[in-house]
PDB file of all heavy atoms in Angstrom:
ATOM      1  N   LEU A   1      -4.721  -3.960  -1.384  1.00  0.00           N
ATOM      2  CA  LEU A   1      -3.529  -3.358  -1.972  1.00  0.00           C
ATOM      3  C   LEU A   1      -3.816  -2.819  -3.379  1.00  0.00           C
ATOM      4  O   LEU A   1      -3.303  -1.775  -3.782  1.00  0.00           O
ATOM      5  CB  LEU A   1      -2.392  -4.387  -2.010  1.00  0.00           C
ATOM      6  CG  LEU A   1      -1.736  -4.714  -0.658  1.00  0.00           C
ATOM      7  CD1 LEU A   1      -0.752  -5.853  -0.810  1.00  0.00           C
ATOM      8  CD2 LEU A   1      -1.029  -3.479  -0.102  1.00  0.00           C
ATOM      9  N   TRP A   2      -4.608  -3.558  -4.133  1.00  0.00           N
ATOM     10  CA  TRP A   2      -4.930  -3.101  -5.497  1.00  0.00           C
ATOM     11  C   TRP A   2      -5.727  -1.808  -5.457  1.00  0.00           C
ATOM     12  O   TRP A   2      -5.504  -0.902  -6.258  1.00  0.00           O
ATOM     13  CB  TRP A   2      -5.699  -4.204  -6.213  1.00  0.00           C
ATOM     14  CG  TRP A   2      -5.995  -3.874  -7.644  1.00  0.00           C
ATOM     15  CD1 TRP A   2      -7.122  -3.318  -8.142  1.00  0.00           C
ATOM     16  CD2 TRP A   2      -5.111  -4.045  -8.744  1.00  0.00           C
ATOM     17  NE1 TRP A   2      -7.032  -3.145  -9.492  1.00  0.00           N
ATOM     18  CE2 TRP A   2      -5.787  -3.580  -9.899  1.00  0.00           C
ATOM     19  CE3 TRP A   2      -3.825  -4.554  -8.891  1.00  0.00           C
ATOM     20  CZ2 TRP A   2      -5.214  -3.613 -11.165  1.00  0.00           C
ATOM     21  CZ3 TRP A   2      -3.266  -4.587 -10.143  1.00  0.00           C
ATOM     22  CH2 TRP A   2      -3.947  -4.121 -11.264  1.00  0.00           C
ATOM     23  N   LEU A   3      -6.665  -1.679  -4.542  1.00  0.00           N
ATOM     24  CA  LEU A   3      -7.496  -0.479  -4.458  1.00  0.00           C
ATOM     25  C   LEU A   3      -6.756   0.696  -3.838  1.00  0.00           C
ATOM     26  O   LEU A   3      -7.003   1.861  -4.179  1.00  0.00           O
ATOM     27  CB  LEU A   3      -8.767  -0.790  -3.640  1.00  0.00           C
ATOM     28  CG  LEU A   3      -9.731  -1.825  -4.257  1.00  0.00           C
ATOM     29  CD1 LEU A   3     -10.894  -2.086  -3.318  1.00  0.00           C
ATOM     30  CD2 LEU A   3     -10.241  -1.353  -5.621  1.00  0.00           C
ATOM     31  N   ALA A   4      -5.898   0.403  -2.897  1.00  0.00           N
ATOM     32  CA  ALA A   4      -5.225   1.508  -2.200  1.00  0.00           C
ATOM     33  C   ALA A   4      -4.242   2.231  -3.111  1.00  0.00           C
ATOM     34  O   ALA A   4      -4.190   3.472  -3.104  1.00  0.00           O
ATOM     35  CB  ALA A   4      -4.522   0.976  -0.962  1.00  0.00           C
ATOM     36  N   GLY A   5      -3.455   1.456  -3.856  1.00  0.00           N
ATOM     37  CA  GLY A   5      -2.521   2.097  -4.781  1.00  0.00           C
ATOM     38  C   GLY A   5      -1.327   2.714  -4.079  1.00  0.00           C
ATOM     39  O   GLY A   5      -1.117   2.598  -2.875  1.00  0.00           O
ATOM     40  N   SER A   6      -0.598   3.375  -4.885  1.00  0.00           N
ATOM     41  CA  SER A   6       0.662   3.932  -4.395  1.00  0.00           C
ATOM     42  C   SER A   6       0.458   5.078  -3.417  1.00  0.00           C
ATOM     43  O   SER A   6       1.242   5.251  -2.476  1.00  0.00           O
ATOM     44  CB  SER A   6       1.503   4.408  -5.580  1.00  0.00           C
ATOM     45  OG  SER A   6       0.812   5.436  -6.288  1.00  0.00           O
ATOM     46  N   HIS A   7      -0.590   5.916  -3.619  1.00  0.00           N
ATOM     47  CA  HIS A   7      -0.758   7.093  -2.756  1.00  0.00           C
ATOM     48  C   HIS A   7      -1.149   6.713  -1.335  1.00  0.00           C
ATOM     49  O   HIS A   7      -0.902   7.488  -0.403  1.00  0.00           O
ATOM     50  CB  HIS A   7      -1.804   8.029  -3.355  1.00  0.00           C
ATOM     51  CG  HIS A   7      -1.356   8.640  -4.645  1.00  0.00           C
ATOM     52  ND1 HIS A   7      -0.368   9.604  -4.725  1.00  0.00           N
ATOM     53  CD2 HIS A   7      -1.751   8.412  -5.922  1.00  0.00           C
ATOM     54  CE1 HIS A   7      -0.173   9.957  -5.977  1.00  0.00           C
ATOM     55  NE2 HIS A   7      -1.019   9.243  -6.741  1.00  0.00           N
ATOM     56  N   LEU A   8      -1.786   5.532  -1.164  1.00  0.00           N
ATOM     57  CA  LEU A   8      -2.227   5.150   0.169  1.00  0.00           C
ATOM     58  C   LEU A   8      -1.229   4.237   0.878  1.00  0.00           C
ATOM     59  O   LEU A   8      -1.331   4.049   2.091  1.00  0.00           O
ATOM     60  CB  LEU A   8      -3.583   4.431   0.097  1.00  0.00           C
ATOM     61  CG  LEU A   8      -4.749   5.263  -0.454  1.00  0.00           C
ATOM     62  CD1 LEU A   8      -6.007   4.421  -0.496  1.00  0.00           C
ATOM     63  CD2 LEU A   8      -4.955   6.516   0.395  1.00  0.00           C
ATOM     64  N   ILE A   9      -0.287   3.655   0.148  1.00  0.00           N
ATOM     65  CA  ILE A   9       0.627   2.694   0.756  1.00  0.00           C
ATOM     66  C   ILE A   9       2.068   3.158   0.682  1.00  0.00           C
ATOM     67  O   ILE A   9       2.773   3.212   1.681  1.00  0.00           O
ATOM     68  CB  ILE A   9       0.482   1.312   0.088  1.00  0.00           C
ATOM     69  CG1 ILE A   9      -0.934   0.775   0.312  1.00  0.00           C
ATOM     70  CG2 ILE A   9       1.516   0.333   0.614  1.00  0.00           C
ATOM     71  CD1 ILE A   9      -1.204  -0.543  -0.360  1.00  0.00           C
ATOM     72  N   VAL A  10       2.511   3.513  -0.541  1.00  0.00           N
ATOM     73  CA  VAL A  10       3.923   3.795  -0.730  1.00  0.00           C
ATOM     74  C   VAL A  10       4.360   5.031   0.056  1.00  0.00           C
ATOM     75  O   VAL A  10       5.402   5.030   0.698  1.00  0.00           O
ATOM     76  CB  VAL A  10       4.238   3.976  -2.227  1.00  0.00           C
ATOM     77  CG1 VAL A  10       5.694   4.372  -2.425  1.00  0.00           C
ATOM     78  CG2 VAL A  10       3.927   2.690  -2.968  1.00  0.00           C
ATOM     79  N   ARG A  11       3.531   6.083   0.005  1.00  0.00           N
ATOM     80  CA  ARG A  11       3.933   7.315   0.674  1.00  0.00           C
ATOM     81  C   ARG A  11       4.098   7.131   2.186  1.00  0.00           C
ATOM     82  O   ARG A  11       5.131   7.540   2.741  1.00  0.00           O
ATOM     83  CB  ARG A  11       2.902   8.415   0.366  1.00  0.00           C
ATOM     84  CG  ARG A  11       3.236   9.755   0.988  1.00  0.00           C
ATOM     85  CD  ARG A  11       4.582  10.235   0.534  1.00  0.00           C
ATOM     86  NE  ARG A  11       4.993  11.447   1.217  1.00  0.00           N
ATOM     87  CZ  ARG A  11       6.208  11.960   1.156  1.00  0.00           C
ATOM     88  NH1 ARG A  11       7.124  11.335   0.431  1.00  0.00           N
ATOM     89  NH2 ARG A  11       6.507  13.059   1.793  1.00  0.00           N
ATOM     90  N   PRO A  12       3.128   6.543   2.903  1.00  0.00           N
ATOM     91  CA  PRO A  12       3.351   6.329   4.332  1.00  0.00           C
ATOM     92  C   PRO A  12       4.573   5.452   4.618  1.00  0.00           C
ATOM     93  O   PRO A  12       5.302   5.710   5.576  1.00  0.00           O
ATOM     94  CB  PRO A  12       2.069   5.645   4.785  1.00  0.00           C
ATOM     95  CG  PRO A  12       1.039   6.097   3.809  1.00  0.00           C
ATOM     96  CD  PRO A  12       1.743   6.188   2.514  1.00  0.00           C
ATOM     97  N   VAL A  13       4.797   4.434   3.786  1.00  0.00           N
ATOM     98  CA  VAL A  13       5.960   3.576   4.002  1.00  0.00           C
ATOM     99  C   VAL A  13       7.239   4.359   3.801  1.00  0.00           C
ATOM    100  O   VAL A  13       8.217   4.220   4.551  1.00  0.00           O
ATOM    101  CB  VAL A  13       5.899   2.352   3.071  1.00  0.00           C
ATOM    102  CG1 VAL A  13       7.194   1.556   3.126  1.00  0.00           C
ATOM    103  CG2 VAL A  13       4.725   1.459   3.450  1.00  0.00           C
ATOM    104  N   GLN A  14       7.258   5.226   2.759  1.00  0.00           N
ATOM    105  CA  GLN A  14       8.445   6.036   2.493  1.00  0.00           C
ATOM    106  C   GLN A  14       8.730   6.985   3.643  1.00  0.00           C
ATOM    107  O   GLN A  14       9.874   7.120   4.089  1.00  0.00           O
ATOM    108  CB  GLN A  14       8.250   6.831   1.198  1.00  0.00           C
ATOM    109  CG  GLN A  14       9.453   7.682   0.823  1.00  0.00           C
ATOM    110  CD  GLN A  14       9.173   8.545  -0.391  1.00  0.00           C
ATOM    111  OE1 GLN A  14       8.018   8.857  -0.682  1.00  0.00           O
ATOM    112  NE2 GLN A  14      10.212   8.940  -1.084  1.00  0.00           N
ATOM    113  N   VAL A  15       7.694   7.639   4.127  1.00  0.00           N
ATOM    114  CA  VAL A  15       7.892   8.559   5.244  1.00  0.00           C
ATOM    115  C   VAL A  15       8.415   7.807   6.469  1.00  0.00           C
ATOM    116  O   VAL A  15       9.325   8.267   7.161  1.00  0.00           O
ATOM    117  CB  VAL A  15       6.566   9.293   5.558  1.00  0.00           C
ATOM    118  CG1 VAL A  15       6.687  10.100   6.835  1.00  0.00           C
ATOM    119  CG2 VAL A  15       6.178  10.192   4.387  1.00  0.00           C
ATOM    120  N   LEU A  16       7.832   6.630   6.726  1.00  0.00           N
ATOM    121  CA  LEU A  16       8.278   5.837   7.865  1.00  0.00           C
ATOM    122  C   LEU A  16       9.728   5.406   7.705  1.00  0.00           C
ATOM    123  O   LEU A  16      10.512   5.464   8.659  1.00  0.00           O
ATOM    124  CB  LEU A  16       7.377   4.607   8.014  1.00  0.00           C
ATOM    125  CG  LEU A  16       7.755   3.627   9.123  1.00  0.00           C
ATOM    126  CD1 LEU A  16       7.723   4.301  10.486  1.00  0.00           C
ATOM    127  CD2 LEU A  16       6.838   2.415   9.098  1.00  0.00           C
ATOM    128  N   ALA A  17      10.095   5.021   6.474  1.00  0.00           N
ATOM    129  CA  ALA A  17      11.473   4.593   6.236  1.00  0.00           C
ATOM    130  C   ALA A  17      12.438   5.746   6.461  1.00  0.00           C
ATOM    131  O   ALA A  17      13.494   5.578   7.079  1.00  0.00           O
ATOM    132  CB  ALA A  17      11.610   4.049   4.817  1.00  0.00           C
ATOM    133  N   GLU A  18      12.071   6.944   5.952  1.00  0.00           N
ATOM    134  CA  GLU A  18      12.950   8.091   6.153  1.00  0.00           C
ATOM    135  C   GLU A  18      13.090   8.436   7.627  1.00  0.00           C
ATOM    136  O   GLU A  18      14.181   8.778   8.107  1.00  0.00           O
ATOM    137  CB  GLU A  18      12.409   9.277   5.362  1.00  0.00           C
ATOM    138  CG  GLU A  18      12.503   9.084   3.841  1.00  0.00           C
ATOM    139  CD  GLU A  18      11.807  10.207   3.088  1.00  0.00           C
ATOM    140  OE1 GLU A  18      11.157  11.050   3.758  1.00  0.00           O
ATOM    141  OE2 GLU A  18      11.926  10.225   1.850  1.00  0.00           O
ATOM    142  N   ARG A  19      11.997   8.344   8.354  1.00  0.00           N
ATOM    143  CA  ARG A  19      12.060   8.662   9.781  1.00  0.00           C
ATOM    144  C   ARG A  19      12.898   7.625  10.539  1.00  0.00           C
ATOM    145  O   ARG A  19      13.640   7.970  11.458  1.00  0.00           O
ATOM    146  CB  ARG A  19      10.648   8.703  10.365  1.00  0.00           C
ATOM    147  CG  ARG A  19       9.798   9.835   9.783  1.00  0.00           C
ATOM    148  CD  ARG A  19       8.431   9.896  10.422  1.00  0.00           C
ATOM    149  NE  ARG A  19       8.527  10.254  11.826  1.00  0.00           N
ATOM    150  CZ  ARG A  19       7.481  10.326  12.650  1.00  0.00           C
ATOM    151  NH1 ARG A  19       6.270  10.037  12.194  1.00  0.00           N
ATOM    152  NH2 ARG A  19       7.649  10.661  13.912  1.00  0.00           N
ATOM    153  N   LEU A  20      12.799   6.373  10.134  1.00  0.00           N
ATOM    154  CA  LEU A  20      13.619   5.348  10.775  1.00  0.00           C
ATOM    155  C   LEU A  20      15.095   5.562  10.479  1.00  0.00           C
ATOM    156  O   LEU A  20      15.950   5.359  11.343  1.00  0.00           O
ATOM    157  CB  LEU A  20      13.178   3.960  10.303  1.00  0.00           C
ATOM    158  CG  LEU A  20      11.839   3.457  10.853  1.00  0.00           C
ATOM    159  CD1 LEU A  20      11.443   2.153  10.169  1.00  0.00           C
ATOM    160  CD2 LEU A  20      11.940   3.261  12.356  1.00  0.00           C
ATOM    161  N   ILE A  21      15.389   5.979   9.242  1.00  0.00           N
ATOM    162  CA  ILE A  21      16.783   6.243   8.892  1.00  0.00           C
ATOM    163  C   ILE A  21      17.334   7.394   9.724  1.00  0.00           C
ATOM    164  O   ILE A  21      18.444   7.329  10.269  1.00  0.00           O
ATOM    165  CB  ILE A  21      16.907   6.543   7.388  1.00  0.00           C
ATOM    166  CG1 ILE A  21      16.569   5.284   6.569  1.00  0.00           C
ATOM    167  CG2 ILE A  21      18.314   7.024   7.049  1.00  0.00           C
ATOM    168  CD1 ILE A  21      16.480   5.523   5.092  1.00  0.00           C
ATOM    169  N   ARG A  22      16.545   8.459   9.828  1.00  0.00           N
ATOM    170  CA  ARG A  22      16.990   9.591  10.629  1.00  0.00           C
ATOM    171  C   ARG A  22      17.140   9.196  12.096  1.00  0.00           C
ATOM    172  O   ARG A  22      18.054   9.640  12.780  1.00  0.00           O
ATOM    173  CB  ARG A  22      15.987  10.738  10.489  1.00  0.00           C
ATOM    174  CG  ARG A  22      15.990  11.387   9.107  1.00  0.00           C
ATOM    175  CD  ARG A  22      15.240  12.712   9.112  1.00  0.00           C
ATOM    176  NE  ARG A  22      13.838  12.527   9.465  1.00  0.00           N
ATOM    177  CZ  ARG A  22      12.884  12.281   8.588  1.00  0.00           C
ATOM    178  NH1 ARG A  22      13.173  12.155   7.297  1.00  0.00           N
ATOM    179  NH2 ARG A  22      11.628  12.120   8.970  1.00  0.00           N
ATOM    180  N   PHE A  23      16.223   8.376  12.546  1.00  0.00           N
ATOM    181  CA  PHE A  23      16.314   7.918  13.927  1.00  0.00           C
ATOM    182  C   PHE A  23      17.582   7.100  14.146  1.00  0.00           C
ATOM    183  O   PHE A  23      18.265   7.243  15.167  1.00  0.00           O
ATOM    184  CB  PHE A  23      15.081   7.072  14.260  1.00  0.00           C
ATOM    185  CG  PHE A  23      15.137   6.417  15.608  1.00  0.00           C
ATOM    186  CD1 PHE A  23      14.880   7.157  16.747  1.00  0.00           C
ATOM    187  CD2 PHE A  23      15.460   5.070  15.728  1.00  0.00           C
ATOM    188  CE1 PHE A  23      14.936   6.552  17.983  1.00  0.00           C
ATOM    189  CE2 PHE A  23      15.519   4.471  16.963  1.00  0.00           C
ATOM    190  CZ  PHE A  23      15.260   5.214  18.099  1.00  0.00           C
ATOM    191  N   GLY A  24      17.894   6.222  13.177  1.00  0.00           N
ATOM    192  CA  GLY A  24      19.108   5.424  13.305  1.00  0.00           C
ATOM    193  C   GLY A  24      20.363   6.266  13.270  1.00  0.00           C
ATOM    194  O   GLY A  24      21.360   5.922  13.906  1.00  0.00           O
ATOM    195  N   ARG A  25      20.347   7.390  12.528  1.00  0.00           N
ATOM    196  CA  ARG A  25      21.511   8.278  12.460  1.00  0.00           C
ATOM    197  C   ARG A  25      21.566   9.275  13.604  1.00  0.00           C
ATOM    198  O   ARG A  25      22.542  10.009  13.735  1.00  0.00           O
ATOM    199  CB  ARG A  25      21.482   9.034  11.136  1.00  0.00           C
ATOM    200  CG  ARG A  25      21.691   8.147   9.916  1.00  0.00           C
ATOM    201  CD  ARG A  25      21.538   8.955   8.651  1.00  0.00           C
ATOM    202  NE  ARG A  25      21.768   8.130   7.466  1.00  0.00           N
ATOM    203  CZ  ARG A  25      21.610   8.552   6.218  1.00  0.00           C
ATOM    204  NH1 ARG A  25      21.194   9.805   5.998  1.00  0.00           N
ATOM    205  NH2 ARG A  25      21.854   7.752   5.206  1.00  0.00           N
ATOM    206  N   GLY A  26      20.509   9.343  14.381  1.00  0.00           N
ATOM    207  CA  GLY A  26      20.479  10.304  15.481  1.00  0.00           C
ATOM    208  C   GLY A  26      20.061  11.692  15.061  1.00  0.00           C
ATOM    209  O   GLY A  26      20.229  12.650  15.826  1.00  0.00           O
ATOM    210  N   GLU A  27      19.492  11.824  13.853  1.00  0.00           N
ATOM    211  CA  GLU A  27      19.063  13.135  13.383  1.00  0.00           C
ATOM    212  C   GLU A  27      17.684  13.465  13.924  1.00  0.00           C
ATOM    213  O   GLU A  27      16.948  12.597  14.382  1.00  0.00           O
ATOM    214  CB  GLU A  27      19.029  13.143  11.847  1.00  0.00           C
ATOM    215  CG  GLU A  27      20.377  12.866  11.202  1.00  0.00           C
ATOM    216  CD  GLU A  27      20.276  12.796   9.694  1.00  0.00           C
ATOM    217  OE1 GLU A  27      19.135  12.936   9.186  1.00  0.00           O
ATOM    218  OE2 GLU A  27      21.313  12.593   9.032  1.00  0.00           O
ATOM    219  N   GLN A  28      17.335  14.745  13.848  1.00  0.00           N
ATOM    220  CA  GLN A  28      16.020  15.176  14.286  1.00  0.00           C
ATOM    221  C   GLN A  28      14.962  14.715  13.288  1.00  0.00           C
ATOM    222  O   GLN A  28      15.226  14.565  12.099  1.00  0.00           O
ATOM    223  CB  GLN A  28      15.974  16.696  14.428  1.00  0.00           C
ATOM    224  CG  GLN A  28      16.890  17.232  15.532  1.00  0.00           C
ATOM    225  CD  GLN A  28      16.774  18.726  15.665  1.00  0.00           C
ATOM    226  OE1 GLN A  28      16.109  19.388  14.867  1.00  0.00           O
ATOM    227  NE2 GLN A  28      17.434  19.275  16.678  1.00  0.00           N
ATOM    228  N   ASP A  29      13.751  14.499  13.809  1.00  0.00           N
ATOM    229  CA  ASP A  29      12.656  14.028  12.974  1.00  0.00           C
ATOM    230  C   ASP A  29      12.042  15.219  12.243  1.00  0.00           C
ATOM    231  O   ASP A  29      11.394  16.074  12.840  1.00  0.00           O
ATOM    232  CB  ASP A  29      11.605  13.338  13.841  1.00  0.00           C
ATOM    233  CG  ASP A  29      10.510  12.703  12.997  1.00  0.00           C
ATOM    234  OD1 ASP A  29      10.678  12.604  11.763  1.00  0.00           O
ATOM    235  OD2 ASP A  29       9.501  12.322  13.581  1.00  0.00           O
ATOM    236  N   GLU A  30      12.272  15.282  10.940  1.00  0.00           N
ATOM    237  CA  GLU A  30      11.721  16.366  10.119  1.00  0.00           C
ATOM    238  C   GLU A  30      10.837  15.766   9.042  1.00  0.00           C
ATOM    239  O   GLU A  30      11.268  14.932   8.255  1.00  0.00           O
ATOM    240  CB  GLU A  30      12.841  17.175   9.468  1.00  0.00           C
ATOM    241  CG  GLU A  30      13.745  17.876  10.481  1.00  0.00           C
ATOM    242  CD  GLU A  30      14.856  18.637   9.787  1.00  0.00           C
ATOM    243  OE1 GLU A  30      14.922  18.556   8.533  1.00  0.00           O
ATOM    244  OE2 GLU A  30      15.661  19.281  10.471  1.00  0.00           O
ATOM    245  N   THR A  31       9.607  16.167   9.013  1.00  0.00           N
ATOM    246  CA  THR A  31       8.659  15.662   8.026  1.00  0.00           C
ATOM    247  C   THR A  31       8.830  16.441   6.728  1.00  0.00           C
ATOM    248  O   THR A  31       8.781  17.671   6.711  1.00  0.00           O
ATOM    249  CB  THR A  31       7.225  15.812   8.536  1.00  0.00           C
ATOM    250  OG1 THR A  31       7.112  15.128   9.778  1.00  0.00           O
ATOM    251  CG2 THR A  31       6.246  15.234   7.536  1.00  0.00           C
ATOM    252  N   ARG A  32       9.032  15.704   5.640  1.00  0.00           N
ATOM    253  CA  ARG A  32       9.242  16.346   4.347  1.00  0.00           C
ATOM    254  C   ARG A  32       7.960  16.319   3.526  1.00  0.00           C
ATOM    255  O   ARG A  32       7.013  15.604   3.831  1.00  0.00           O
ATOM    256  CB  ARG A  32      10.349  15.630   3.578  1.00  0.00           C
ATOM    257  CG  ARG A  32      11.716  15.695   4.275  1.00  0.00           C
ATOM    258  CD  ARG A  32      12.766  15.009   3.426  1.00  0.00           C
ATOM    259  NE  ARG A  32      14.071  15.058   4.054  1.00  0.00           N
ATOM    260  CZ  ARG A  32      15.172  14.532   3.513  1.00  0.00           C
ATOM    261  NH1 ARG A  32      15.086  13.910   2.349  1.00  0.00           N
ATOM    262  NH2 ARG A  32      16.322  14.631   4.143  1.00  0.00           N
TER     263      ARG A  32
END
């Protein structure tokens, strides 16, 4: 975790969270 940093961990988690939110709302999956 110390070596990976924010660019290797936070961004994928954020994208996954946004996709899960859209999935829960029934929205289309759009990658930002």
